[in-house]
PDB file of all heavy atoms in Angstrom:
ATOM      1  N   GLY A   1      34.379  70.597 -23.613  1.00  0.00           N
ATOM      2  CA  GLY A   1      35.461  69.943 -24.426  1.00  0.00           C
ATOM      3  C   GLY A   1      35.938  68.643 -23.873  1.00  0.00           C
ATOM      4  O   GLY A   1      36.521  67.787 -24.601  1.00  0.00           O
ATOM      5  N   ASP A   2      35.736  68.413 -22.605  1.00  0.00           N
ATOM      6  CA  ASP A   2      36.142  67.164 -21.911  1.00  0.00           C
ATOM      7  C   ASP A   2      35.428  66.028 -22.484  1.00  0.00           C
ATOM      8  O   ASP A   2      34.193  66.132 -22.844  1.00  0.00           O
ATOM      9  CB  ASP A   2      36.012  67.144 -20.503  1.00  0.00           C
ATOM     10  CG  ASP A   2      37.020  68.134 -19.721  1.00  0.00           C
ATOM     11  OD1 ASP A   2      38.020  68.367 -20.276  1.00  0.00           O
ATOM     12  OD2 ASP A   2      36.824  68.479 -18.520  1.00  0.00           O
ATOM     13  N   VAL A   3      36.011  64.844 -22.641  1.00  0.00           N
ATOM     14  CA  VAL A   3      35.373  63.652 -23.136  1.00  0.00           C
ATOM     15  C   VAL A   3      35.363  62.627 -22.020  1.00  0.00           C
ATOM     16  O   VAL A   3      36.283  62.341 -21.303  1.00  0.00           O
ATOM     17  CB  VAL A   3      36.046  63.026 -24.331  1.00  0.00           C
ATOM     18  CG1 VAL A   3      35.332  61.760 -24.823  1.00  0.00           C
ATOM     19  CG2 VAL A   3      36.144  64.073 -25.520  1.00  0.00           C
ATOM     20  N   VAL A   4      34.124  62.133 -21.800  1.00  0.00           N
ATOM     21  CA  VAL A   4      33.866  61.183 -20.671  1.00  0.00           C
ATOM     22  C   VAL A   4      33.312  59.887 -21.110  1.00  0.00           C
ATOM     23  O   VAL A   4      32.712  59.871 -22.165  1.00  0.00           O
ATOM     24  CB  VAL A   4      32.986  61.793 -19.536  1.00  0.00           C
ATOM     25  CG1 VAL A   4      33.672  63.022 -18.937  1.00  0.00           C
ATOM     26  CG2 VAL A   4      31.552  62.058 -20.123  1.00  0.00           C
ATOM     27  N   LEU A   5      33.666  58.818 -20.445  1.00  0.00           N
ATOM     28  CA  LEU A   5      33.086  57.489 -20.778  1.00  0.00           C
ATOM     29  C   LEU A   5      31.857  57.231 -19.845  1.00  0.00           C
ATOM     30  O   LEU A   5      32.045  57.453 -18.590  1.00  0.00           O
ATOM     31  CB  LEU A   5      34.141  56.350 -20.510  1.00  0.00           C
ATOM     32  CG  LEU A   5      33.601  54.948 -20.646  1.00  0.00           C
ATOM     33  CD1 LEU A   5      33.158  54.626 -22.051  1.00  0.00           C
ATOM     34  CD2 LEU A   5      34.739  53.944 -20.225  1.00  0.00           C
ATOM     35  N   VAL A   6      30.824  56.916 -20.475  1.00  0.00           N
ATOM     36  CA  VAL A   6      29.513  56.565 -19.558  1.00  0.00           C
ATOM     37  C   VAL A   6      29.127  55.133 -19.877  1.00  0.00           C
ATOM     38  O   VAL A   6      28.745  54.957 -21.042  1.00  0.00           O
ATOM     39  CB  VAL A   6      28.510  57.598 -19.914  1.00  0.00           C
ATOM     40  CG1 VAL A   6      27.303  57.452 -18.806  1.00  0.00           C
ATOM     41  CG2 VAL A   6      28.911  59.046 -19.789  1.00  0.00           C
ATOM     42  N   GLU A   7      29.074  54.273 -18.997  1.00  0.00           N
ATOM     43  CA  GLU A   7      28.724  52.921 -19.184  1.00  0.00           C
ATOM     44  C   GLU A   7      27.435  52.659 -18.428  1.00  0.00           C
ATOM     45  O   GLU A   7      26.856  53.406 -17.881  1.00  0.00           O
ATOM     46  CB  GLU A   7      29.926  51.992 -18.509  1.00  0.00           C
ATOM     47  CG  GLU A   7      31.164  52.198 -19.246  1.00  0.00           C
ATOM     48  CD  GLU A   7      32.294  51.414 -18.597  1.00  0.00           C
ATOM     49  OE1 GLU A   7      32.604  51.670 -17.435  1.00  0.00           O
ATOM     50  OE2 GLU A   7      32.910  50.521 -19.314  1.00  0.00           O
ATOM     51  N   ALA A   8      26.988  51.373 -18.737  1.00  0.00           N
ATOM     52  CA  ALA A   8      25.758  50.884 -18.233  1.00  0.00           C
ATOM     53  C   ALA A   8      25.603  51.180 -16.739  1.00  0.00           C
ATOM     54  O   ALA A   8      26.533  50.698 -16.028  1.00  0.00           O
ATOM     55  CB  ALA A   8      25.453  49.539 -18.551  1.00  0.00           C
ATOM     56  N   GLY A   9      24.534  51.799 -16.292  1.00  0.00           N
ATOM     57  CA  GLY A   9      24.393  52.207 -14.880  1.00  0.00           C
ATOM     58  C   GLY A   9      24.892  53.491 -14.385  1.00  0.00           C
ATOM     59  O   GLY A   9      24.473  53.877 -13.372  1.00  0.00           O
ATOM     60  N   ASP A  10      25.720  54.023 -15.319  1.00  0.00           N
ATOM     61  CA  ASP A  10      26.260  55.432 -14.891  1.00  0.00           C
ATOM     62  C   ASP A  10      25.296  56.512 -15.157  1.00  0.00           C
ATOM     63  O   ASP A  10      24.557  56.500 -16.105  1.00  0.00           O
ATOM     64  CB  ASP A  10      27.538  55.756 -15.637  1.00  0.00           C
ATOM     65  CG  ASP A  10      28.704  54.825 -15.372  1.00  0.00           C
ATOM     66  OD1 ASP A  10      28.545  54.073 -14.244  1.00  0.00           O
ATOM     67  OD2 ASP A  10      29.682  54.684 -16.098  1.00  0.00           O
ATOM     68  N   ILE A  11      25.373  57.627 -14.379  1.00  0.00           N
ATOM     69  CA  ILE A  11      24.662  58.872 -14.595  1.00  0.00           C
ATOM     70  C   ILE A  11      25.421  59.757 -15.499  1.00  0.00           C
ATOM     71  O   ILE A  11      26.690  59.872 -15.257  1.00  0.00           O
ATOM     72  CB  ILE A  11      24.402  59.599 -13.282  1.00  0.00           C
ATOM     73  CG1 ILE A  11      23.553  58.649 -12.341  1.00  0.00           C
ATOM     74  CG2 ILE A  11      23.744  60.951 -13.598  1.00  0.00           C
ATOM     75  CD1 ILE A  11      22.201  58.434 -12.812  1.00  0.00           C
ATOM     76  N   ILE A  12      24.900  60.221 -16.621  1.00  0.00           N
ATOM     77  CA  ILE A  12      25.556  61.139 -17.480  1.00  0.00           C
ATOM     78  C   ILE A  12      25.828  62.464 -16.744  1.00  0.00           C
ATOM     79  O   ILE A  12      24.956  63.123 -16.229  1.00  0.00           O
ATOM     80  CB  ILE A  12      24.718  61.453 -18.779  1.00  0.00           C
ATOM     81  CG1 ILE A  12      24.470  60.166 -19.503  1.00  0.00           C
ATOM     82  CG2 ILE A  12      25.441  62.508 -19.555  1.00  0.00           C
ATOM     83  CD1 ILE A  12      23.645  60.221 -20.662  1.00  0.00           C
ATOM     84  N   PRO A  13      27.143  62.812 -16.513  1.00  0.00           N
ATOM     85  CA  PRO A  13      27.473  63.900 -15.605  1.00  0.00           C
ATOM     86  C   PRO A  13      27.101  65.249 -15.982  1.00  0.00           C
ATOM     87  O   PRO A  13      26.898  66.168 -15.212  1.00  0.00           O
ATOM     88  CB  PRO A  13      28.992  63.763 -15.370  1.00  0.00           C
ATOM     89  CG  PRO A  13      29.460  63.100 -16.750  1.00  0.00           C
ATOM     90  CD  PRO A  13      28.339  62.241 -17.178  1.00  0.00           C
ATOM     91  N   SER A  14      26.954  65.522 -17.267  1.00  0.00           N
ATOM     92  CA  SER A  14      26.692  66.929 -17.746  1.00  0.00           C
ATOM     93  C   SER A  14      26.205  66.866 -19.179  1.00  0.00           C
ATOM     94  O   SER A  14      26.248  65.783 -19.812  1.00  0.00           O
ATOM     95  CB  SER A  14      27.946  67.816 -17.653  1.00  0.00           C
ATOM     96  OG  SER A  14      27.598  69.152 -18.004  1.00  0.00           O
ATOM     97  N   ASP A  15      25.653  67.976 -19.731  1.00  0.00           N
ATOM     98  CA  ASP A  15      25.163  67.967 -21.075  1.00  0.00           C
ATOM     99  C   ASP A  15      26.307  67.667 -22.166  1.00  0.00           C
ATOM    100  O   ASP A  15      27.517  68.156 -21.891  1.00  0.00           O
ATOM    101  CB  ASP A  15      24.576  69.320 -21.409  1.00  0.00           C
ATOM    102  CG  ASP A  15      23.320  69.612 -20.654  1.00  0.00           C
ATOM    103  OD1 ASP A  15      22.911  68.709 -19.863  1.00  0.00           O
ATOM    104  OD2 ASP A  15      22.717  70.699 -20.752  1.00  0.00           O
ATOM    105  N   GLY A  16      26.035  66.961 -23.174  1.00  0.00           N
ATOM    106  CA  GLY A  16      27.016  66.805 -24.160  1.00  0.00           C
ATOM    107  C   GLY A  16      26.529  66.136 -25.365  1.00  0.00           C
ATOM    108  O   GLY A  16      25.359  65.999 -25.595  1.00  0.00           O
ATOM    109  N   GLU A  17      27.449  65.779 -26.240  1.00  0.00           N
ATOM    110  CA  GLU A  17      27.140  65.125 -27.463  1.00  0.00           C
ATOM    111  C   GLU A  17      27.877  63.837 -27.572  1.00  0.00           C
ATOM    112  O   GLU A  17      29.104  63.632 -27.215  1.00  0.00           O
ATOM    113  CB  GLU A  17      27.494  65.969 -28.627  1.00  0.00           C
ATOM    114  CG  GLU A  17      26.437  67.026 -28.911  1.00  0.00           C
ATOM    115  CD  GLU A  17      26.650  67.711 -30.290  1.00  0.00           C
ATOM    116  OE1 GLU A  17      27.796  68.289 -30.583  1.00  0.00           O
ATOM    117  OE2 GLU A  17      25.707  67.533 -31.126  1.00  0.00           O
ATOM    118  N   VAL A  18      27.208  62.733 -28.062  1.00  0.00           N
ATOM    119  CA  VAL A  18      27.818  61.477 -28.150  1.00  0.00           C
ATOM    120  C   VAL A  18      28.811  61.442 -29.356  1.00  0.00           C
ATOM    121  O   VAL A  18      28.379  61.828 -30.502  1.00  0.00           O
ATOM    122  CB  VAL A  18      26.743  60.236 -28.404  1.00  0.00           C
ATOM    123  CG1 VAL A  18      27.437  58.923 -28.492  1.00  0.00           C
ATOM    124  CG2 VAL A  18      25.794  60.248 -27.210  1.00  0.00           C
ATOM    125  N   VAL A  19      29.994  61.145 -29.082  1.00  0.00           N
ATOM    126  CA  VAL A  19      31.098  61.188 -30.089  1.00  0.00           C
ATOM    127  C   VAL A  19      31.419  59.743 -30.581  1.00  0.00           C
ATOM    128  O   VAL A  19      32.040  59.419 -31.594  1.00  0.00           O
ATOM    129  CB  VAL A  19      32.274  61.870 -29.667  1.00  0.00           C
ATOM    130  CG1 VAL A  19      32.022  63.361 -29.485  1.00  0.00           C
ATOM    131  CG2 VAL A  19      32.880  61.259 -28.430  1.00  0.00           C
ATOM    132  N   GLU A  20      31.081  58.686 -29.733  1.00  0.00           N
ATOM    133  CA  GLU A  20      31.263  57.346 -30.061  1.00  0.00           C
ATOM    134  C   GLU A  20      30.315  56.427 -29.290  1.00  0.00           C
ATOM    135  O   GLU A  20      30.133  56.730 -28.155  1.00  0.00           O
ATOM    136  CB  GLU A  20      32.792  56.857 -29.848  1.00  0.00           C
ATOM    137  CG  GLU A  20      33.117  55.515 -30.372  1.00  0.00           C
ATOM    138  CD  GLU A  20      34.583  55.312 -30.034  1.00  0.00           C
ATOM    139  OE1 GLU A  20      35.257  56.055 -29.538  1.00  0.00           O
ATOM    140  OE2 GLU A  20      34.998  54.091 -30.217  1.00  0.00           O
ATOM    141  N   GLY A  21      29.790  55.327 -30.029  1.00  0.00           N
ATOM    142  CA  GLY A  21      29.056  54.405 -29.325  1.00  0.00           C
ATOM    143  C   GLY A  21      27.583  54.674 -29.458  1.00  0.00           C
ATOM    144  O   GLY A  21      27.141  55.626 -29.991  1.00  0.00           O
ATOM    145  N   VAL A  22      26.771  53.686 -28.927  1.00  0.00           N
ATOM    146  CA  VAL A  22      25.384  53.700 -28.889  1.00  0.00           C
ATOM    147  C   VAL A  22      24.881  53.135 -27.655  1.00  0.00           C
ATOM    148  O   VAL A  22      25.340  52.208 -27.178  1.00  0.00           O
ATOM    149  CB  VAL A  22      24.771  53.057 -30.168  1.00  0.00           C
ATOM    150  CG1 VAL A  22      25.112  51.632 -30.287  1.00  0.00           C
ATOM    151  CG2 VAL A  22      23.182  53.213 -30.227  1.00  0.00           C
ATOM    152  N   ALA A  23      23.871  53.733 -27.009  1.00  0.00           N
ATOM    153  CA  ALA A  23      23.267  53.225 -25.731  1.00  0.00           C
ATOM    154  C   ALA A  23      21.908  53.657 -25.635  1.00  0.00           C
ATOM    155  O   ALA A  23      21.414  54.616 -26.231  1.00  0.00           O
ATOM    156  CB  ALA A  23      24.195  53.811 -24.565  1.00  0.00           C
ATOM    157  N   SER A  24      21.147  52.892 -24.767  1.00  0.00           N
ATOM    158  CA  SER A  24      19.809  53.239 -24.372  1.00  0.00           C
ATOM    159  C   SER A  24      19.863  54.141 -23.086  1.00  0.00           C
ATOM    160  O   SER A  24      20.702  53.752 -22.158  1.00  0.00           O
ATOM    161  CB  SER A  24      18.948  52.069 -24.139  1.00  0.00           C
ATOM    162  OG  SER A  24      19.439  51.197 -23.130  1.00  0.00           O
ATOM    163  N   VAL A  25      19.174  55.150 -23.013  1.00  0.00           N
ATOM    164  CA  VAL A  25      19.250  56.135 -21.982  1.00  0.00           C
ATOM    165  C   VAL A  25      17.890  56.311 -21.314  1.00  0.00           C
ATOM    166  O   VAL A  25      16.890  56.542 -21.974  1.00  0.00           O
ATOM    167  CB  VAL A  25      19.804  57.480 -22.507  1.00  0.00           C
ATOM    168  CG1 VAL A  25      19.934  58.443 -21.277  1.00  0.00           C
ATOM    169  CG2 VAL A  25      21.266  57.350 -23.135  1.00  0.00           C
ATOM    170  N   ASN A  26      17.900  56.374 -20.017  1.00  0.00           N
ATOM    171  CA  ASN A  26      16.690  56.576 -19.149  1.00  0.00           C
ATOM    172  C   ASN A  26      16.513  58.078 -18.935  1.00  0.00           C
ATOM    173  O   ASN A  26      17.359  58.631 -18.218  1.00  0.00           O
ATOM    174  CB  ASN A  26      16.668  55.810 -17.853  1.00  0.00           C
ATOM    175  CG  ASN A  26      15.464  56.161 -16.989  1.00  0.00           C
ATOM    176  OD1 ASN A  26      14.403  56.775 -17.473  1.00  0.00           O
ATOM    177  ND2 ASN A  26      15.472  55.735 -15.809  1.00  0.00           N
ATOM    178  N   GLU A  27      15.554  58.847 -19.552  1.00  0.00           N
ATOM    179  CA  GLU A  27      15.513  60.253 -19.459  1.00  0.00           C
ATOM    180  C   GLU A  27      14.272  60.613 -18.548  1.00  0.00           C
ATOM    181  O   GLU A  27      13.770  61.775 -18.670  1.00  0.00           O
ATOM    182  CB  GLU A  27      15.476  60.930 -20.789  1.00  0.00           C
ATOM    183  CG  GLU A  27      16.640  60.765 -21.629  1.00  0.00           C
ATOM    184  CD  GLU A  27      16.684  61.570 -22.921  1.00  0.00           C
ATOM    185  OE1 GLU A  27      15.496  62.119 -23.302  1.00  0.00           O
ATOM    186  OE2 GLU A  27      17.719  61.934 -23.496  1.00  0.00           O
ATOM    187  N   ALA A  28      13.895  59.735 -17.707  1.00  0.00           N
ATOM    188  CA  ALA A  28      12.647  59.889 -16.850  1.00  0.00           C
ATOM    189  C   ALA A  28      12.731  61.128 -15.970  1.00  0.00           C
ATOM    190  O   ALA A  28      11.883  61.882 -15.720  1.00  0.00           O
ATOM    191  CB  ALA A  28      12.410  58.653 -16.028  1.00  0.00           C
ATOM    192  N   ALA A  29      14.077  61.499 -15.521  1.00  0.00           N
ATOM    193  CA  ALA A  29      14.361  62.677 -14.652  1.00  0.00           C
ATOM    194  C   ALA A  29      13.992  63.913 -15.400  1.00  0.00           C
ATOM    195  O   ALA A  29      13.661  64.896 -14.850  1.00  0.00           O
ATOM    196  CB  ALA A  29      15.755  62.687 -14.342  1.00  0.00           C
ATOM    197  N   ILE A  30      14.004  63.945 -16.730  1.00  0.00           N
ATOM    198  CA  ILE A  30      13.775  65.122 -17.543  1.00  0.00           C
ATOM    199  C   ILE A  30      12.299  65.103 -18.047  1.00  0.00           C
ATOM    200  O   ILE A  30      11.575  66.121 -17.915  1.00  0.00           O
ATOM    201  CB  ILE A  30      14.710  65.270 -18.766  1.00  0.00           C
ATOM    202  CG1 ILE A  30      16.105  65.196 -18.221  1.00  0.00           C
ATOM    203  CG2 ILE A  30      14.420  66.495 -19.564  1.00  0.00           C
ATOM    204  CD1 ILE A  30      16.530  66.400 -17.278  1.00  0.00           C
ATOM    205  N   THR A  31      11.938  63.951 -18.679  1.00  0.00           N
ATOM    206  CA  THR A  31      10.547  63.919 -19.310  1.00  0.00           C
ATOM    207  C   THR A  31       9.423  63.346 -18.535  1.00  0.00           C
ATOM    208  O   THR A  31       8.325  63.580 -18.862  1.00  0.00           O
ATOM    209  CB  THR A  31      10.712  63.128 -20.713  1.00  0.00           C
ATOM    210  OG1 THR A  31      11.015  61.806 -20.323  1.00  0.00           O
ATOM    211  CG2 THR A  31      11.841  63.662 -21.519  1.00  0.00           C
ATOM    212  N   GLY A  32       9.878  62.550 -17.486  1.00  0.00           N
ATOM    213  CA  GLY A  32       8.860  61.849 -16.702  1.00  0.00           C
ATOM    214  C   GLY A  32       8.344  60.585 -17.362  1.00  0.00           C
ATOM    215  O   GLY A  32       7.531  59.833 -16.910  1.00  0.00           O
ATOM    216  N   GLU A  33       8.958  60.225 -18.562  1.00  0.00           N
ATOM    217  CA  GLU A  33       8.545  58.993 -19.277  1.00  0.00           C
ATOM    218  C   GLU A  33       9.559  57.947 -18.904  1.00  0.00           C
ATOM    219  O   GLU A  33      10.827  58.132 -19.000  1.00  0.00           O
ATOM    220  CB  GLU A  33       8.481  59.296 -20.821  1.00  0.00           C
ATOM    221  CG  GLU A  33       7.513  60.404 -21.182  1.00  0.00           C
ATOM    222  CD  GLU A  33       6.034  60.007 -20.836  1.00  0.00           C
ATOM    223  OE1 GLU A  33       5.781  58.782 -20.848  1.00  0.00           O
ATOM    224  OE2 GLU A  33       5.297  60.911 -20.684  1.00  0.00           O
TER     225      GLU A  33
END
């Protein structure tokens, strides 16, 4: 339920859903792509 701000260069700290904004995300740690 906590809401966090994630800006360019930041690591997303935990699983969640975007409630505002749009950004490109590097998911190589998960998918390898």
